[in-house]
Amino acid sequence: MIGDLVMLSPAVRCICENYPDAELSILGAPASISVYKHHPGVTELLPYDRSKGDWDIGNFRHGIRLLAERRFDLGFIFHNSLGSALMARMGRVRRRVGYCNEMRDSLLTDRMKMSDIPQHLIETKLDLLRQFGLEPASVKEEVEIDSTRARRWLRDKLGPNLGRSRPIVGISLGATRKYKMWTGQGMEALINKFPVNTVDFVFLGAPHERELFEGVYSYNNTVVDLVGETTIEELTWVLDKLDLYIGPDSGPMHLATARDTPVVALFGATNPAVCGPYQYEKSRIIRSENICSDCDKHQGKNIRTCLHTVKADDVFAAATELLSRYSSNWTGL
């Protein structure tokens, strides 16, 4: 998950600061670990596809080989599955640091206790390091980019004039679960609250999210549609250029936060205190308190709220407040 890897960035920074001469490798999902492609302290990215779970034998054995070939002295196991600890043990990582759960005790050399008090996922990752004796200096999420390549790509893709005289507002709808996605109707109601020629919009999303944007149209302002048109690295370049990002609890929300872009984060069933923007003053959280009939029917007792009931008026108020505060191109209403 992209969001999980971005929320790991304060822990990665802490490790780099405490082991400045070490060779640091990160093992994770091939697409997600790309967020560390330009991190100055990361030596190597090790792709491990666990989309079919930890017990996909072929990929699991591949992950073991990756670890065994490098003979790591120390491994921090932030993923709390049994499989991740077993892979580190079978991959001959000499010292293995992780949380005790799911019968992992015998697989770890340094066994840490997870807090019983609910906390943000960033703090959960950092607590593993604190118990090991490392003290993080910051909780800020961050992702490094290749600025030169980004400028060229953005000029070609967005054109030279987008955002020259108006703020650029990026919007996405998709997430990992249907109840975490905002609706096209809600998005269209939002974008048409902006008066004529006050913003430039950029639509963002993965290829399979294209149908979410069907029929969405801005009557008042320019739209550049990049849904399904960007890699994760290119998406980060776009988020870096935005004056404001609006979207649900998802990877792009954390990428925008990591690039210091103002964010309106939309939440329903998931808890922003656990996985939302963390200690980030340029964010505003809009959380639904209701559930639509469709999600109520299909989710049953699993959730009590969904993102489909988020009101465009609330999102618009938060968006214009952030634009007034942080965008020099915003002329007001």
Protein backbone atom coordinates (compact mmCIF):
# COMPACT_ATOMS: atom_id res chain seq x y z
CA MET A 1 0.00 0.00 0.00
CA ILE A 2 1.38 3.38 -1.02
CA GLY A 3 0.00 5.15 2.04
CA ASP A 4 1.66 2.68 4.40
CA LEU A 5 5.04 3.19 2.71
CA VAL A 6 4.71 6.99 2.90
CA MET A 7 3.72 6.78 6.57
CA LEU A 8 6.89 4.75 7.06
CA SER A 9 9.05 7.69 5.93
CA PRO A 10 9.60 9.21 9.41
CA ALA A 11 10.90 5.80 10.56
CA VAL A 12 13.16 5.53 7.50
CA ARG A 13 14.55 8.99 8.23
CA CYS A 14 15.19 7.98 11.85
CA ILE A 15 17.09 4.85 10.77
CA CYS A 16 19.19 6.88 8.31
CA GLU A 17 20.06 9.43 10.98
CA ASN A 18 21.13 6.74 13.44
CA TYR A 19 23.03 4.61 10.90
CA PRO A 20 24.47 7.18 8.46
CA ASP A 21 27.08 4.79 7.05
CA ALA A 22 24.80 1.78 6.64
CA GLU A 23 23.51 0.39 3.39
CA LEU A 24 19.73 0.56 3.73
CA SER A 25 17.41 -1.60 1.65
CA ILE A 26 13.61 -1.50 1.67
CA LEU A 27 11.57 -4.57 0.74
CA GLY A 28 7.98 -4.07 -0.30
CA ALA A 29 5.38 -4.09 -3.05
CA PRO A 30 7.02 -3.19 -6.39
CA ALA A 31 4.88 -0.13 -7.09
CA SER A 32 4.72 1.16 -3.53
CA ILE A 33 8.44 1.10 -2.73
CA SER A 34 9.02 3.40 -5.71
CA VAL A 35 8.25 6.29 -3.36
CA TYR A 36 11.80 5.74 -2.02
CA LYS A 37 13.41 5.79 -5.46
CA HIS A 38 15.12 9.13 -4.81
CA HIS A 39 15.58 8.93 -1.05
CA PRO A 40 19.21 9.90 -0.33
CA GLY A 41 19.60 7.37 2.47
CA VAL A 42 18.15 4.33 0.68
CA THR A 43 20.66 2.12 -1.11
CA GLU A 44 18.38 -0.42 -2.75
CA LEU A 45 14.72 -1.24 -3.34
CA LEU A 46 13.79 -4.92 -3.13
CA PRO A 47 10.47 -5.69 -4.89
CA TYR A 48 8.30 -8.31 -3.21
CA ASP A 49 4.82 -8.91 -4.60
CA ARG A 50 2.51 -10.01 -1.80
CA SER A 51 -0.72 -9.16 -3.64
CA LYS A 52 -1.72 -12.83 -3.27
CA GLY A 53 -0.76 -12.93 0.41
CA ASP A 54 2.29 -14.09 2.33
CA TRP A 55 1.74 -17.70 1.36
CA ASP A 56 2.14 -17.30 -2.39
CA ILE A 57 5.05 -19.76 -2.37
CA GLY A 58 6.82 -18.53 -5.51
CA ASN A 59 6.95 -14.88 -4.46
CA PHE A 60 7.64 -15.82 -0.83
CA ARG A 61 10.70 -17.85 -1.83
CA HIS A 62 11.82 -14.99 -4.08
CA GLY A 63 11.67 -12.64 -1.09
CA ILE A 64 13.71 -15.07 1.00
CA ARG A 65 16.37 -15.22 -1.71
CA LEU A 66 16.57 -11.44 -1.91
CA LEU A 67 17.26 -11.26 1.81
CA ALA A 68 19.61 -14.23 2.00
CA GLU A 69 21.80 -13.00 -0.85
CA ARG A 70 22.50 -9.74 0.99
CA ARG A 71 23.18 -11.20 4.46
CA PHE A 72 21.61 -8.31 6.38
CA ASP A 73 22.93 -7.58 9.87
CA LEU A 74 19.77 -5.85 11.05
CA GLY A 75 16.17 -5.85 9.90
CA PHE A 76 13.23 -3.77 11.14
CA ILE A 77 10.04 -5.69 10.38
CA PHE A 78 7.27 -3.09 10.33
CA HIS A 79 4.66 -5.35 8.72
CA ASN A 80 2.98 -7.29 11.49
CA SER A 81 2.20 -10.53 9.67
CA LEU A 82 3.60 -13.92 10.55
CA GLY A 83 4.91 -14.25 7.01
CA SER A 84 7.07 -11.12 7.19
CA ALA A 85 8.86 -12.36 10.31
CA LEU A 86 9.26 -15.86 8.85
CA MET A 87 10.74 -14.42 5.65
CA ALA A 88 13.33 -12.45 7.63
CA ARG A 89 14.23 -15.55 9.64
CA MET A 90 14.52 -17.80 6.58
CA GLY A 91 16.34 -14.99 4.74
CA ARG A 92 19.06 -15.15 7.41
CA VAL A 93 18.67 -11.59 8.67
CA ARG A 94 20.94 -11.76 11.72
CA ARG A 95 19.03 -9.39 14.02
CA ARG A 96 15.26 -9.16 13.50
CA VAL A 97 13.26 -6.42 15.24
CA GLY A 98 9.47 -6.54 15.25
CA TYR A 99 6.27 -6.52 17.26
CA CYS A 100 5.19 -9.68 19.07
CA ASN A 101 1.96 -11.07 17.69
CA GLU A 102 0.62 -13.89 15.54
CA MET A 103 3.07 -16.43 17.00
CA ARG A 104 6.06 -14.38 15.78
CA ASP A 105 8.05 -14.49 19.05
CA SER A 106 10.35 -17.36 18.06
CA LEU A 107 11.12 -15.68 14.72
CA LEU A 108 12.31 -12.38 16.19
CA THR A 109 15.53 -11.63 18.04
CA ASP A 110 14.23 -8.31 19.43
CA ARG A 111 10.60 -8.57 20.51
CA MET A 112 8.72 -5.31 21.02
CA LYS A 113 5.27 -4.80 22.54
CA MET A 114 2.69 -2.91 20.56
CA SER A 115 0.85 -0.19 22.46
CA ASP A 116 -2.60 -1.09 23.80
CA ILE A 117 -3.65 2.54 23.30
CA PRO A 118 -4.92 3.35 19.78
CA GLN A 119 -2.53 5.66 17.98
CA HIS A 120 -1.64 6.91 14.53
CA LEU A 121 0.13 4.39 12.28
CA ILE A 122 3.15 6.70 12.06
CA GLU A 123 3.54 6.49 15.83
CA THR A 124 3.10 2.71 15.75
CA LYS A 125 6.04 2.45 13.34
CA LEU A 126 8.15 4.90 15.32
CA ASP A 127 7.43 3.14 18.62
CA LEU A 128 9.16 0.05 17.25
CA LEU A 129 12.31 2.14 16.84
CA ARG A 130 11.92 3.88 20.21
CA GLN A 131 11.77 0.55 22.01
CA PHE A 132 14.91 -0.48 20.14
CA GLY A 133 16.64 2.66 21.43
CA LEU A 134 16.33 5.03 18.46
CA GLU A 135 14.66 8.39 18.98
CA PRO A 136 12.98 9.99 15.92
CA ALA A 137 13.49 13.70 15.41
CA SER A 138 10.28 14.29 13.42
CA VAL A 139 6.96 12.68 12.49
CA LYS A 140 6.66 14.46 9.14
CA GLU A 141 5.91 12.35 6.08
CA GLU A 142 8.22 13.03 3.14
CA VAL A 143 8.94 11.77 -0.37
CA GLU A 144 11.87 12.93 -2.50
CA ILE A 145 11.46 13.58 -6.24
CA ASP A 146 13.64 14.16 -9.28
CA SER A 147 12.81 17.86 -9.76
CA THR A 148 14.44 18.18 -13.18
CA ARG A 149 12.50 15.30 -14.72
CA ALA A 150 9.34 16.50 -12.96
CA ARG A 151 9.54 19.98 -14.51
CA ARG A 152 9.96 18.60 -18.02
CA TRP A 153 7.15 16.08 -17.64
CA LEU A 154 4.74 18.59 -16.10
CA ARG A 155 5.42 21.13 -18.83
CA ASP A 156 4.67 18.56 -21.52
CA LYS A 157 1.64 17.04 -19.78
CA LEU A 158 -0.04 20.08 -18.25
CA GLY A 159 1.16 22.78 -20.63
CA PRO A 160 3.02 25.98 -19.74
CA ASN A 161 -0.01 28.03 -18.71
CA LEU A 162 -1.89 25.78 -16.29
CA GLY A 163 -1.73 27.36 -12.87
CA ARG A 164 0.01 30.51 -14.11
CA SER A 165 -2.77 32.83 -12.93
CA ARG A 166 -5.06 30.50 -10.97
CA PRO A 167 -4.57 27.83 -8.30
CA ILE A 168 -4.32 24.21 -9.46
CA VAL A 169 -6.66 21.90 -7.56
CA GLY A 170 -6.21 18.15 -7.89
CA ILE A 171 -9.07 15.78 -7.09
CA SER A 172 -9.27 12.01 -6.87
CA LEU A 173 -12.17 9.72 -5.99
CA GLY A 174 -10.73 6.24 -5.69
CA ALA A 175 -9.55 4.17 -2.73
CA THR A 176 -9.07 0.51 -1.83
CA ARG A 177 -12.71 -0.03 -0.81
CA LYS A 178 -15.94 1.20 -2.35
CA TYR A 179 -17.13 2.74 0.92
CA LYS A 180 -13.89 4.80 1.03
CA MET A 181 -14.54 6.35 -2.40
CA TRP A 182 -16.30 9.64 -2.97
CA THR A 183 -18.98 9.81 -5.67
CA GLY A 184 -18.78 11.46 -9.08
CA GLN A 185 -21.98 13.33 -8.22
CA GLY A 186 -20.43 14.76 -5.08
CA MET A 187 -17.29 15.75 -6.96
CA GLU A 188 -19.25 17.44 -9.76
CA ALA A 189 -21.30 19.38 -7.22
CA LEU A 190 -18.05 20.52 -5.62
CA ILE A 191 -16.17 21.63 -8.72
CA ASN A 192 -19.11 23.64 -10.01
CA LYS A 193 -19.25 25.66 -6.81
CA PHE A 194 -16.03 27.36 -7.93
CA PRO A 195 -16.86 30.51 -9.95
CA VAL A 196 -15.72 30.97 -13.55
CA ASN A 197 -11.95 31.14 -14.10
CA THR A 198 -10.98 30.88 -10.42
CA VAL A 199 -9.11 27.52 -10.46
CA ASP A 200 -7.63 24.91 -12.81
CA PHE A 201 -8.62 21.33 -12.01
CA VAL A 202 -6.61 18.14 -12.45
CA PHE A 203 -8.43 14.80 -12.16
CA LEU A 204 -6.27 12.01 -10.75
CA GLY A 205 -6.73 8.27 -10.39
CA ALA A 206 -5.71 4.77 -11.40
CA PRO A 207 -6.91 3.23 -14.71
CA HIS A 208 -9.59 1.11 -12.99
CA GLU A 209 -11.07 4.27 -11.41
CA ARG A 210 -11.99 5.77 -14.77
CA GLU A 211 -15.66 4.84 -14.38
CA LEU A 212 -15.91 6.89 -11.17
CA PHE A 213 -15.38 10.07 -13.23
CA GLU A 214 -17.97 9.30 -15.93
CA GLY A 215 -20.23 12.30 -16.50
CA VAL A 216 -18.20 14.61 -14.23
CA TYR A 217 -17.80 17.98 -15.93
CA SER A 218 -16.77 21.48 -14.90
CA TYR A 219 -18.89 24.22 -16.43
CA ASN A 220 -16.72 27.03 -15.10
CA ASN A 221 -13.07 26.05 -15.10
CA THR A 222 -10.35 24.25 -17.04
CA VAL A 223 -9.91 20.52 -16.41
CA VAL A 224 -6.88 18.35 -17.21
CA ASP A 225 -7.86 14.68 -16.97
CA LEU A 226 -4.93 12.48 -15.87
CA VAL A 227 -6.98 9.52 -14.60
CA GLY A 228 -5.03 6.40 -15.53
CA GLU A 229 -2.28 8.47 -17.16
CA THR A 230 0.41 8.56 -14.45
CA THR A 231 2.85 6.26 -12.74
CA ILE A 232 3.23 6.66 -8.99
CA GLU A 233 6.32 8.79 -9.55
CA GLU A 234 4.50 11.00 -12.07
CA LEU A 235 1.53 11.27 -9.73
CA THR A 236 3.90 12.57 -7.05
CA TRP A 237 5.18 15.21 -9.49
CA VAL A 238 1.61 16.41 -10.11
CA LEU A 239 0.79 16.48 -6.40
CA ASP A 240 3.92 18.55 -5.80
CA LYS A 241 2.73 21.18 -8.27
CA LEU A 242 -0.80 21.50 -6.89
CA ASP A 243 -2.02 24.37 -4.75
CA LEU A 244 -4.55 21.99 -3.18
CA TYR A 245 -5.35 18.28 -3.23
CA ILE A 246 -8.82 16.89 -2.42
CA GLY A 247 -9.33 13.17 -2.02
CA PRO A 248 -10.26 10.20 0.16
CA ASP A 249 -8.20 8.16 2.59
CA SER A 250 -5.70 6.72 0.10
CA GLY A 251 -2.08 6.73 -1.05
CA PRO A 252 -2.32 10.02 -3.01
CA MET A 253 -3.49 11.79 0.15
CA HIS A 254 -0.29 10.77 1.93
CA LEU A 255 1.85 11.57 -1.11
CA ALA A 256 0.37 15.08 -1.21
CA THR A 257 1.07 15.52 2.50
CA ALA A 258 4.63 14.28 1.99
CA ARG A 259 5.17 16.92 -0.72
CA ASP A 260 3.83 19.68 1.59
CA THR A 261 0.72 20.27 -0.55
CA PRO A 262 -2.41 21.52 1.27
CA VAL A 263 -4.90 18.67 1.60
CA VAL A 264 -8.63 18.28 2.12
CA ALA A 265 -8.87 14.66 3.28
CA LEU A 266 -12.21 12.86 3.04
CA PHE A 267 -13.00 10.15 5.58
CA GLY A 268 -15.91 7.86 6.28
CA ALA A 269 -15.51 4.48 7.94
CA THR A 270 -11.77 4.77 8.49
CA ASN A 271 -10.38 6.79 11.38
CA PRO A 272 -8.31 9.89 10.53
CA ALA A 273 -6.74 9.73 13.99
CA VAL A 274 -5.14 6.45 12.89
CA CYS A 275 -4.38 6.96 9.20
CA GLY A 276 -5.06 10.59 8.31
CA PRO A 277 -2.60 13.46 7.80
CA TYR A 278 -0.59 13.54 11.01
CA GLN A 279 0.35 16.78 12.75
CA TYR A 280 0.04 18.56 9.41
CA GLU A 281 -1.27 22.11 9.63
CA LYS A 282 -2.03 22.35 5.91
CA SER A 283 -4.75 19.70 6.10
CA ARG A 284 -8.45 19.79 6.77
CA ILE A 285 -10.42 16.61 7.44
CA ILE A 286 -14.01 16.17 6.35
CA ARG A 287 -15.57 13.09 7.92
CA SER A 288 -18.94 11.60 7.08
CA GLU A 289 -21.23 10.66 9.95
CA ASN A 290 -23.76 8.76 7.85
CA ILE A 291 -24.01 5.74 5.58
CA CYS A 292 -25.78 5.50 2.24
CA SER A 293 -28.38 2.77 1.66
CA ASP A 294 -26.16 0.84 -0.77
CA CYS A 295 -23.22 0.58 1.64
CA ASP A 296 -25.60 -0.17 4.50
CA LYS A 297 -27.03 -3.05 2.49
CA HIS A 298 -23.73 -4.56 1.38
CA GLN A 299 -21.54 -3.85 4.43
CA GLY A 300 -24.07 -4.75 7.08
CA LYS A 301 -22.67 -4.21 10.57
CA ASN A 302 -19.09 -3.76 9.33
CA ILE A 303 -19.33 0.01 9.02
CA ARG A 304 -21.60 2.80 10.19
CA THR A 305 -20.45 5.51 7.81
CA CYS A 306 -19.29 5.75 4.21
CA LEU A 307 -17.72 8.42 2.05
CA HIS A 308 -20.72 8.65 -0.28
CA THR A 309 -22.53 10.91 2.20
CA VAL A 310 -19.80 13.58 2.35
CA LYS A 311 -21.36 16.94 1.48
CA ALA A 312 -19.91 19.07 -1.30
CA ASP A 313 -20.63 22.25 0.73
CA ASP A 314 -18.37 21.06 3.54
CA VAL A 315 -15.56 20.15 1.15
CA PHE A 316 -15.88 23.48 -0.67
CA ALA A 317 -15.66 25.45 2.58
CA ALA A 318 -12.48 23.62 3.60
CA ALA A 319 -10.98 23.96 0.11
CA THR A 320 -11.52 27.71 -0.13
CA GLU A 321 -10.20 28.23 3.39
CA LEU A 322 -6.93 26.44 2.52
CA LEU A 323 -6.63 28.25 -0.81
CA SER A 324 -7.09 31.59 0.95
CA ARG A 325 -4.38 30.67 3.42
CA TYR A 326 -1.79 29.03 1.19
CA SER A 327 -2.27 29.98 -2.47
CA SER A 328 -0.97 33.29 -3.80
CA ASN A 329 -3.03 32.82 -6.98
CA TRP A 330 -6.34 32.54 -5.19
CA THR A 331 -8.44 35.66 -5.82
CA GLY A 332 -11.32 34.68 -3.54
CA LEU A 333 -15.03 34.42 -4.23
